[in-house]
Amino acid sequence: MRIDFKEARQDGQSLLSGLFDLQFQTIVTTQMLPAIYGLAIALAGVASLYFVFWGFGHSWWMGTAWLLLFGPALFLAVIIAIRVTLEFVLTVFRIALFLETLGTQIDSIAAQTEEISDDLPRIQFWRSRRKSRRGAGGHADKDGGE
């Protein structure tokens, strides 16, 4: 696996320029998610180790319990919660991007259908159909006419 430093530098520059974009024209949250997740893993590991040392400071049994049971459970619970939260955030941004793209496509389709409808002659099929039904069935209108 080869690391492309030029691409990494461009990603870093776009991230920095996006962070200082006061108009919020670029979305940098999705670029920051891997770094946020990596930081969360590191902090969860540090917190688990802290509780292991805290447990050994109180007693040998409590330290062993934190080392073998509670520490790994805490680590996994924090990582799972952070991962689910970050995936939810990513999904919201993907939905927003999809809706923006869809809105652009809908505007394009609406413009095309307006052009087509302007070029087609008006066909009065609805009125002629109602008149032929009234004449054939002999039913009177609701207002009492015919």
Protein backbone atom coordinates (compact mmCIF):
# COMPACT_ATOMS: atom_id res chain seq x y z
CA MET A 1 0.00 0.00 0.00
CA ARG A 2 1.48 3.30 -1.09
CA ILE A 3 0.67 6.63 0.52
CA ASP A 4 0.03 9.49 -1.89
CA PHE A 5 1.42 12.51 -0.06
CA LYS A 6 0.28 14.96 -2.74
CA GLU A 7 -3.35 13.85 -2.36
CA ALA A 8 -3.07 13.91 1.44
CA ARG A 9 -1.65 17.45 1.32
CA GLN A 10 -4.50 18.60 -0.95
CA ASP A 11 -7.06 17.01 1.39
CA GLY A 12 -5.43 18.78 4.33
CA GLN A 13 -5.46 22.11 2.50
CA SER A 14 -9.11 21.73 1.53
CA LEU A 15 -9.94 20.83 5.14
CA LEU A 16 -8.15 23.91 6.45
CA SER A 17 -9.71 26.19 3.86
CA GLY A 18 -13.11 24.69 4.67
CA LEU A 19 -12.65 25.29 8.38
CA PHE A 20 -12.14 29.00 7.77
CA ASP A 21 -14.98 29.28 5.23
CA LEU A 22 -17.23 31.82 6.94
CA GLN A 23 -19.95 31.41 4.30
CA PHE A 24 -20.25 27.64 4.98
CA GLN A 25 -20.02 26.81 1.28
CA THR A 26 -17.99 23.64 1.87
CA ILE A 27 -18.86 20.79 4.21
CA VAL A 28 -15.81 19.65 6.19
CA THR A 29 -17.56 17.46 8.73
CA THR A 30 -17.35 14.39 6.53
CA GLN A 31 -13.61 14.97 6.03
CA MET A 32 -13.10 15.27 9.79
CA LEU A 33 -14.93 12.06 10.76
CA PRO A 34 -11.92 9.71 10.50
CA ALA A 35 -9.85 12.00 12.73
CA ILE A 36 -12.70 12.33 15.22
CA TYR A 37 -13.14 8.56 15.32
CA GLY A 38 -9.41 8.00 15.81
CA LEU A 39 -9.36 10.52 18.65
CA ALA A 40 -12.37 8.82 20.23
CA ILE A 41 -10.63 5.44 20.11
CA ALA A 42 -7.54 6.91 21.77
CA LEU A 43 -9.58 8.67 24.48
CA ALA A 44 -11.62 5.53 25.16
CA GLY A 45 -8.38 3.57 25.58
CA VAL A 46 -6.96 6.20 27.93
CA ALA A 47 -10.18 6.22 29.98
CA SER A 48 -10.17 2.43 30.24
CA LEU A 49 -6.53 2.41 31.35
CA TYR A 50 -7.28 5.13 33.90
CA PHE A 51 -10.01 3.01 35.47
CA VAL A 52 -7.74 -0.06 35.49
CA PHE A 53 -5.05 1.88 37.39
CA TRP A 54 -7.72 3.40 39.64
CA GLY A 55 -9.00 -0.10 40.40
CA PHE A 56 -5.52 -1.39 41.24
CA GLY A 57 -5.06 1.64 43.49
CA HIS A 58 -8.06 0.56 45.56
CA SER A 59 -7.48 -3.18 45.65
CA TRP A 60 -6.00 -6.06 43.73
CA TRP A 61 -9.47 -7.57 43.09
CA MET A 62 -10.96 -4.33 41.80
CA GLY A 63 -7.97 -3.75 39.52
CA THR A 64 -8.22 -7.26 38.11
CA ALA A 65 -11.96 -6.81 37.55
CA TRP A 66 -11.36 -3.55 35.67
CA LEU A 67 -8.51 -5.07 33.68
CA LEU A 68 -10.38 -8.19 32.56
CA LEU A 69 -14.05 -7.21 32.63
CA PHE A 70 -15.08 -3.60 33.09
CA GLY A 71 -12.23 -1.93 31.15
CA PRO A 72 -12.79 -3.79 27.88
CA ALA A 73 -16.56 -3.46 28.26
CA LEU A 74 -16.23 0.31 28.81
CA PHE A 75 -13.88 0.60 25.83
CA LEU A 76 -16.25 -1.30 23.52
CA ALA A 77 -19.34 0.56 24.74
CA VAL A 78 -17.74 3.96 24.16
CA ILE A 79 -16.41 2.98 20.73
CA ILE A 80 -19.76 1.53 19.65
CA ALA A 81 -21.63 4.65 20.82
CA ILE A 82 -19.19 6.98 19.05
CA ARG A 83 -19.26 4.88 15.87
CA VAL A 84 -23.07 4.82 15.73
CA THR A 85 -23.22 8.56 16.34
CA LEU A 86 -20.65 9.34 13.64
CA GLU A 87 -22.36 7.04 11.15
CA PHE A 88 -25.65 8.81 11.88
CA VAL A 89 -24.00 12.17 11.24
CA LEU A 90 -22.48 10.86 8.01
CA THR A 91 -25.86 9.50 6.90
CA VAL A 92 -27.54 12.85 7.53
CA PHE A 93 -24.92 14.59 5.40
CA ARG A 94 -25.29 12.00 2.64
CA ILE A 95 -29.07 12.46 2.66
CA ALA A 96 -28.64 16.23 2.46
CA LEU A 97 -26.27 15.84 -0.49
CA PHE A 98 -28.65 13.39 -2.19
CA LEU A 99 -31.60 15.76 -1.72
CA GLU A 100 -29.60 18.66 -3.12
CA THR A 101 -28.71 16.60 -6.19
CA LEU A 102 -32.29 15.40 -6.52
CA GLY A 103 -33.59 18.98 -6.33
CA THR A 104 -31.30 19.99 -9.17
CA GLN A 105 -32.50 17.05 -11.27
CA ILE A 106 -36.14 17.85 -10.53
CA ASP A 107 -35.65 21.44 -11.70
CA SER A 108 -34.09 20.15 -14.90
CA ILE A 109 -36.94 17.70 -15.51
CA ALA A 110 -39.55 20.39 -14.78
CA ALA A 111 -37.95 22.70 -17.36
CA GLN A 112 -37.93 19.92 -19.96
CA THR A 113 -41.57 19.00 -19.37
CA GLU A 114 -42.60 22.66 -19.64
CA GLU A 115 -40.89 22.85 -23.03
CA ILE A 116 -42.66 19.70 -24.18
CA SER A 117 -46.07 20.88 -22.96
CA ASP A 118 -45.64 24.24 -24.70
CA ASP A 119 -44.91 22.48 -27.99
CA LEU A 120 -47.90 20.12 -27.82
CA PRO A 121 -51.32 21.31 -28.97
CA ARG A 122 -54.06 21.45 -26.39
CA ILE A 123 -56.27 18.39 -26.59
CA GLN A 124 -59.74 18.82 -25.14
CA PHE A 125 -60.46 15.17 -24.41
CA TRP A 126 -61.94 15.71 -20.95
CA ARG A 127 -64.77 18.02 -22.00
CA SER A 128 -65.76 15.94 -25.02
CA ARG A 129 -65.92 12.82 -22.86
CA ARG A 130 -68.27 14.42 -20.30
CA LYS A 131 -70.60 15.72 -22.99
CA SER A 132 -70.85 12.32 -24.67
CA ARG A 133 -71.71 10.66 -21.33
CA ARG A 134 -74.49 13.13 -20.56
CA GLY A 135 -76.00 12.74 -23.97
CA ALA A 136 -75.85 8.94 -23.93
CA GLY A 137 -77.14 8.39 -20.42
CA GLY A 138 -79.77 11.10 -20.38
CA HIS A 139 -78.87 12.12 -16.84
CA ALA A 140 -79.64 15.63 -15.68
CA ASP A 141 -76.98 17.97 -14.32
CA LYS A 142 -76.75 18.63 -10.60
CA ASP A 143 -78.15 22.15 -11.05
CA GLY A 144 -81.30 20.79 -12.68
CA GLY A 145 -80.52 21.63 -16.31
CA GLU A 146 -80.91 19.31 -19.34
